[in-house]
Amino acid sequence: MRNRKKWSFHIPLQPEFKMKTAYYIEKREFDQKRNKYYLYYQFKCDSISNSMMVIPDGCIDILFTCVPQAPYGKVCGSVLRSKEIQLVPGAEYFGVRLPAGRESLNLNCSMKDIVECEIPIKDLLLLDDPAHQLANIPSFEGRIQRFQETIGTIFLNEKSYSSVVRNALYSIHLSRGNITMNDLAQKSGFSTRYIRKKFEQDIGISPKLFSQIVRFQCSLSMFMNDKNYSIWDIIEESGYYDQAHLINEYKKFSYYSPRQLMDTITKGKAWVM
């Protein structure tokens, strides 16, 4: 399968970044040099909260604590189940969200070592934490520019995914996560075993699990962004077999049913299940 389109990736939701912060802004940009999209974002914690829930999204984040007295940067691999991350009350954060995989990050480690981990940048690069370059820049746009001109040249990879993985990712996103291993094998002409091996090497998790995360994220977007969808619309559109299938997958990734998750995120927004 030939695919010469610009590589894109779904913009996954991390709802508490928006719901539980003093402010949140983001900007999606296409990097011509690397032929990839990146999501830049910035938020400020309120003066009380010191934790936030993150949910599976199939991406990697580079997150900087922009406190001039104690700047700090870390690489956050995608979580496989929701978890609480610790933040500094009142601190401002700047982040970059990347497509998962070693073709996004220029790191000499296995992608499996990144999944569900938070690794200090200084430990990965074996040099001074570059967070101080961003901490004293007052504007969001200024931080994006500085990241692209300096830190990004160290972190961001100019390589492309292998054709097997690139086409598998394209098919998974195009189908909103509703594709089987046999479908991927038929589209690519490679065996399911070979696709799984290459995918896990490049992404860090299996194509089946990655597809489930994409489906979970797509259905969550429908829950949050369009009140005209009924639960049955979401089940059908997202490719779940029935209501039980939807609830079980939500509990797998978030510990909550869809209604419980929405209540947690939106503090009582009603969804009838």
Protein backbone atom coordinates (compact mmCIF):
# COMPACT_ATOMS: atom_id res chain seq x y z
CA MET A 1 0.00 0.00 0.00
CA ARG A 2 1.55 3.28 -1.06
CA ASN A 3 0.91 6.31 1.09
CA ARG A 4 2.60 9.62 0.37
CA LYS A 5 0.24 11.77 2.37
CA LYS A 6 1.63 13.96 5.14
CA TRP A 7 1.81 11.89 8.30
CA SER A 8 -0.78 13.05 10.80
CA PHE A 9 -2.06 11.70 14.08
CA HIS A 10 -5.25 12.00 16.05
CA ILE A 11 -5.36 14.81 18.58
CA PRO A 12 -6.23 12.84 21.70
CA LEU A 13 -8.05 14.24 24.67
CA GLN A 14 -6.50 14.80 28.06
CA PRO A 15 -9.62 16.44 29.50
CA GLU A 16 -8.29 17.38 32.93
CA PHE A 17 -5.59 19.54 31.31
CA LYS A 18 -8.47 21.81 30.32
CA MET A 19 -10.94 21.19 33.14
CA LYS A 20 -8.68 21.40 36.18
CA THR A 21 -6.26 24.20 35.32
CA ALA A 22 -6.32 27.97 35.70
CA TYR A 23 -5.98 28.23 31.90
CA TYR A 24 -5.11 25.97 28.96
CA ILE A 25 -4.03 26.82 25.38
CA GLU A 26 -2.82 24.62 22.53
CA LYS A 27 -1.58 24.85 18.96
CA ARG A 28 -1.22 22.10 16.37
CA GLU A 29 1.61 22.60 13.89
CA PHE A 30 2.99 20.66 10.94
CA ASP A 31 6.77 20.26 10.92
CA GLN A 32 7.84 20.40 7.26
CA LYS A 33 11.34 19.16 8.02
CA ARG A 34 10.16 16.02 9.79
CA ASN A 35 6.85 15.59 7.92
CA LYS A 36 4.94 15.22 11.20
CA TYR A 37 2.31 17.06 13.22
CA TYR A 38 2.97 18.08 16.80
CA LEU A 39 0.63 19.49 19.44
CA TYR A 40 2.07 22.29 21.57
CA TYR A 41 0.19 23.22 24.72
CA GLN A 42 0.54 25.28 27.86
CA PHE A 43 -1.41 25.40 31.09
CA LYS A 44 -1.16 26.81 34.58
CA CYS A 45 -2.13 24.80 37.63
CA ASP A 46 -4.44 26.38 40.13
CA SER A 47 -2.97 27.31 43.48
CA ILE A 48 -4.40 24.28 45.29
CA SER A 49 -4.35 21.23 43.03
CA ASN A 50 -1.18 19.17 42.87
CA SER A 51 -2.39 16.25 40.78
CA MET A 52 -4.18 15.54 37.53
CA MET A 53 -5.58 12.42 35.86
CA VAL A 54 -4.12 11.39 32.51
CA ILE A 55 -5.75 8.78 30.30
CA PRO A 56 -4.41 6.50 27.54
CA ASP A 57 -3.84 8.42 24.30
CA GLY A 58 -1.18 6.53 22.31
CA CYS A 59 1.20 9.50 22.31
CA ILE A 60 4.41 10.69 23.94
CA ASP A 61 4.61 14.03 25.77
CA ILE A 62 7.62 16.18 26.54
CA LEU A 63 6.54 18.23 29.55
CA PHE A 64 8.38 21.19 31.07
CA THR A 65 7.75 22.79 34.45
CA CYS A 66 8.38 26.46 33.71
CA VAL A 67 9.29 27.69 37.17
CA PRO A 68 12.39 29.92 36.82
CA GLN A 69 13.72 28.91 40.24
CA ALA A 70 13.37 25.17 39.57
CA PRO A 71 12.73 24.34 35.86
CA TYR A 72 12.27 20.69 35.09
CA GLY A 73 11.67 18.61 31.97
CA LYS A 74 10.59 15.02 31.47
CA VAL A 75 9.48 12.62 28.76
CA CYS A 76 6.12 10.99 29.50
CA GLY A 77 5.26 7.77 27.70
CA SER A 78 1.66 6.91 26.96
CA VAL A 79 -0.15 5.33 29.89
CA LEU A 80 -2.11 2.12 29.41
CA ARG A 81 -4.54 2.88 32.23
CA SER A 82 -5.49 6.23 33.71
CA LYS A 83 -3.27 7.49 36.52
CA GLU A 84 -2.63 10.56 38.62
CA ILE A 85 0.41 12.68 37.84
CA GLN A 86 1.86 15.06 40.39
CA LEU A 87 2.15 18.76 39.55
CA VAL A 88 3.37 21.90 41.29
CA PRO A 89 0.45 24.07 42.53
CA GLY A 90 0.45 27.44 40.76
CA ALA A 91 3.18 26.41 38.30
CA GLU A 92 3.05 26.96 34.54
CA TYR A 93 3.68 24.01 32.23
CA PHE A 94 4.66 23.81 28.56
CA GLY A 95 4.30 20.57 26.64
CA VAL A 96 4.75 18.95 23.25
CA ARG A 97 2.64 15.92 22.29
CA LEU A 98 4.13 13.62 19.66
CA PRO A 99 2.98 10.55 17.78
CA ALA A 100 4.20 7.50 19.70
CA GLY A 101 7.27 5.74 18.41
CA ARG A 102 11.01 5.90 17.99
CA GLU A 103 10.63 7.77 14.71
CA SER A 104 9.25 10.71 16.72
CA LEU A 105 11.86 10.83 19.47
CA ASN A 106 15.59 10.69 18.92
CA LEU A 107 16.41 8.47 21.90
CA ASN A 108 18.74 5.53 22.28
CA CYS A 109 16.33 3.30 24.13
CA SER A 110 13.55 0.85 23.44
CA MET A 111 10.06 2.28 22.99
CA LYS A 112 8.83 -0.32 25.49
CA ASP A 113 11.03 1.43 28.07
CA ILE A 114 9.09 4.68 27.51
CA VAL A 115 5.54 3.30 27.88
CA GLU A 116 3.98 4.24 31.24
CA CYS A 117 7.17 5.95 32.37
CA GLU A 118 8.14 9.51 33.28
CA ILE A 119 11.84 9.97 32.58
CA PRO A 120 13.80 13.14 33.43
CA ILE A 121 15.24 14.73 30.32
CA LYS A 122 18.67 15.05 31.92
CA ASP A 123 18.77 11.26 32.40
CA LEU A 124 18.00 10.66 28.73
CA LEU A 125 20.35 13.24 27.26
CA LEU A 126 23.11 13.03 29.89
CA LEU A 127 23.39 16.81 29.91
CA ASP A 128 21.88 19.77 31.71
CA ASP A 129 18.09 19.93 31.74
CA PRO A 130 17.08 22.25 28.85
CA ALA A 131 13.95 23.35 30.72
CA HIS A 132 15.73 26.53 31.83
CA GLN A 133 15.65 27.68 28.18
CA LEU A 134 11.84 27.83 28.35
CA ALA A 135 11.20 28.90 31.94
CA ASN A 136 12.18 32.55 31.43
CA ILE A 137 10.30 33.02 28.14
CA PRO A 138 6.96 34.71 28.94
CA SER A 139 4.89 33.80 25.85
CA PHE A 140 3.47 30.53 24.53
CA GLU A 141 4.56 31.37 20.96
CA GLY A 142 8.04 32.24 22.18
CA ARG A 143 8.37 28.87 23.88
CA ILE A 144 7.23 27.05 20.75
CA GLN A 145 9.84 28.89 18.70
CA ARG A 146 12.62 28.23 21.22
CA PHE A 147 11.71 24.54 21.42
CA GLN A 148 11.76 24.19 17.63
CA GLU A 149 15.07 26.02 17.26
CA THR A 150 17.01 24.39 20.09
CA ILE A 151 15.52 21.58 22.18
CA GLY A 152 13.59 20.09 19.28
CA THR A 153 16.74 19.69 17.22
CA ILE A 154 18.01 17.31 19.91
CA PHE A 155 14.79 15.44 20.60
CA LEU A 156 12.77 15.27 17.41
CA ASN A 157 13.70 12.65 14.87
CA GLU A 158 13.83 13.32 11.13
CA LYS A 159 13.43 9.65 10.27
CA SER A 160 10.19 8.19 9.01
CA TYR A 161 8.38 5.10 10.22
CA SER A 162 8.99 1.90 8.32
CA SER A 163 6.41 1.42 5.59
CA VAL A 164 4.84 -1.48 7.50
CA VAL A 165 4.30 0.57 10.66
CA ARG A 166 3.39 3.78 8.81
CA ASN A 167 0.69 2.02 6.81
CA ALA A 168 -0.60 0.20 9.89
CA LEU A 169 -0.88 3.50 11.78
CA TYR A 170 -2.63 5.11 8.83
CA SER A 171 -5.17 2.27 8.62
CA ILE A 172 -5.78 2.29 12.39
CA HIS A 173 -6.45 6.02 12.49
CA LEU A 174 -8.53 5.95 9.31
CA SER A 175 -10.75 3.23 10.78
CA ARG A 176 -10.93 5.03 14.17
CA GLY A 177 -9.39 1.96 15.77
CA ASN A 178 -11.81 -0.52 14.21
CA ILE A 179 -9.48 -2.83 12.36
CA THR A 180 -8.26 -6.36 13.01
CA MET A 181 -4.79 -7.82 12.67
CA ASN A 182 -6.03 -9.87 9.75
CA ASP A 183 -7.24 -6.67 8.05
CA LEU A 184 -3.83 -5.06 8.55
CA ALA A 185 -2.12 -8.15 7.16
CA GLN A 186 -4.39 -8.20 4.11
CA LYS A 187 -3.78 -4.52 3.41
CA SER A 188 -0.01 -4.75 3.78
CA GLY A 189 0.73 -8.20 2.40
CA PHE A 190 2.76 -9.09 5.51
CA SER A 191 1.94 -11.66 8.15
CA THR A 192 0.23 -10.66 11.37
CA ARG A 193 3.30 -11.84 13.30
CA TYR A 194 5.66 -9.62 11.31
CA ILE A 195 3.37 -6.57 11.63
CA ARG A 196 3.06 -7.08 15.38
CA LYS A 197 6.83 -7.44 15.78
CA LYS A 198 7.64 -4.27 13.79
CA PHE A 199 4.83 -2.30 15.45
CA GLU A 200 5.96 -3.19 18.96
CA GLN A 201 9.56 -2.30 18.07
CA ASP A 202 8.60 1.12 16.71
CA ILE A 203 5.62 2.06 18.93
CA GLY A 204 6.20 0.09 22.12
CA ILE A 205 2.80 -1.61 22.29
CA SER A 206 0.89 -4.04 20.08
CA PRO A 207 -1.23 -2.82 17.15
CA LYS A 208 -4.30 -4.36 18.79
CA LEU A 209 -3.83 -2.39 22.00
CA PHE A 210 -3.00 0.78 20.08
CA SER A 211 -6.22 0.36 18.04
CA GLN A 212 -8.26 -0.02 21.21
CA ILE A 213 -6.76 3.21 22.60
CA VAL A 214 -7.61 5.07 19.38
CA ARG A 215 -11.19 3.75 19.54
CA PHE A 216 -11.47 4.74 23.21
CA GLN A 217 -10.22 8.25 22.41
CA CYS A 218 -12.55 8.67 19.42
CA SER A 219 -15.60 7.61 21.43
CA LEU A 220 -14.59 9.90 24.32
CA SER A 221 -14.39 12.79 21.87
CA MET A 222 -17.97 12.06 20.80
CA PHE A 223 -19.12 11.99 24.43
CA MET A 224 -17.50 15.33 25.20
CA ASN A 225 -17.93 17.35 22.02
CA ASP A 226 -21.37 16.57 20.59
CA LYS A 227 -24.46 16.40 22.78
CA ASN A 228 -26.57 15.25 19.83
CA TYR A 229 -25.04 11.77 19.93
CA SER A 230 -26.99 9.14 21.83
CA ILE A 231 -25.15 6.32 23.57
CA TRP A 232 -26.26 4.01 20.77
CA ASP A 233 -24.86 6.39 18.15
CA ILE A 234 -21.51 6.29 19.92
CA ILE A 235 -21.56 2.50 20.20
CA GLU A 236 -22.31 2.11 16.49
CA GLU A 237 -19.98 4.87 15.28
CA SER A 238 -17.10 3.66 17.43
CA GLY A 239 -17.46 0.01 16.48
CA TYR A 240 -18.32 -1.46 19.88
CA TYR A 241 -20.43 -4.60 19.82
CA ASP A 242 -22.88 -3.39 22.47
CA GLN A 243 -23.16 -1.32 25.63
CA ALA A 244 -21.35 -3.92 27.73
CA HIS A 245 -18.40 -3.89 25.32
CA LEU A 246 -18.17 -0.09 25.54
CA ILE A 247 -18.35 -0.07 29.35
CA ASN A 248 -15.77 -2.85 29.70
CA GLU A 249 -13.27 -1.07 27.48
CA TYR A 250 -13.73 2.20 29.35
CA LYS A 251 -13.10 0.42 32.63
CA LYS A 252 -10.04 -1.24 31.12
CA PHE A 253 -8.46 2.12 30.27
CA SER A 254 -9.89 4.45 32.91
CA TYR A 255 -11.28 2.26 35.73
CA TYR A 256 -14.61 4.03 35.12
CA SER A 257 -17.75 3.46 33.07
CA PRO A 258 -18.37 6.21 30.50
CA ARG A 259 -20.85 7.93 32.81
CA GLN A 260 -18.48 7.78 35.78
CA LEU A 261 -15.60 9.08 33.68
CA MET A 262 -17.67 11.97 32.36
CA ASP A 263 -18.81 12.81 35.89
CA THR A 264 -15.20 12.77 37.06
CA ILE A 265 -14.01 14.95 34.19
CA THR A 266 -16.86 17.44 34.00
CA LYS A 267 -17.97 17.42 37.63
CA GLY A 268 -21.45 16.07 37.06
CA LYS A 269 -22.20 16.40 33.36
CA ALA A 270 -25.05 13.95 32.80
CA TRP A 271 -24.83 11.08 30.36
CA VAL A 272 -27.49 8.41 30.59
CA MET A 273 -26.09 4.89 30.46
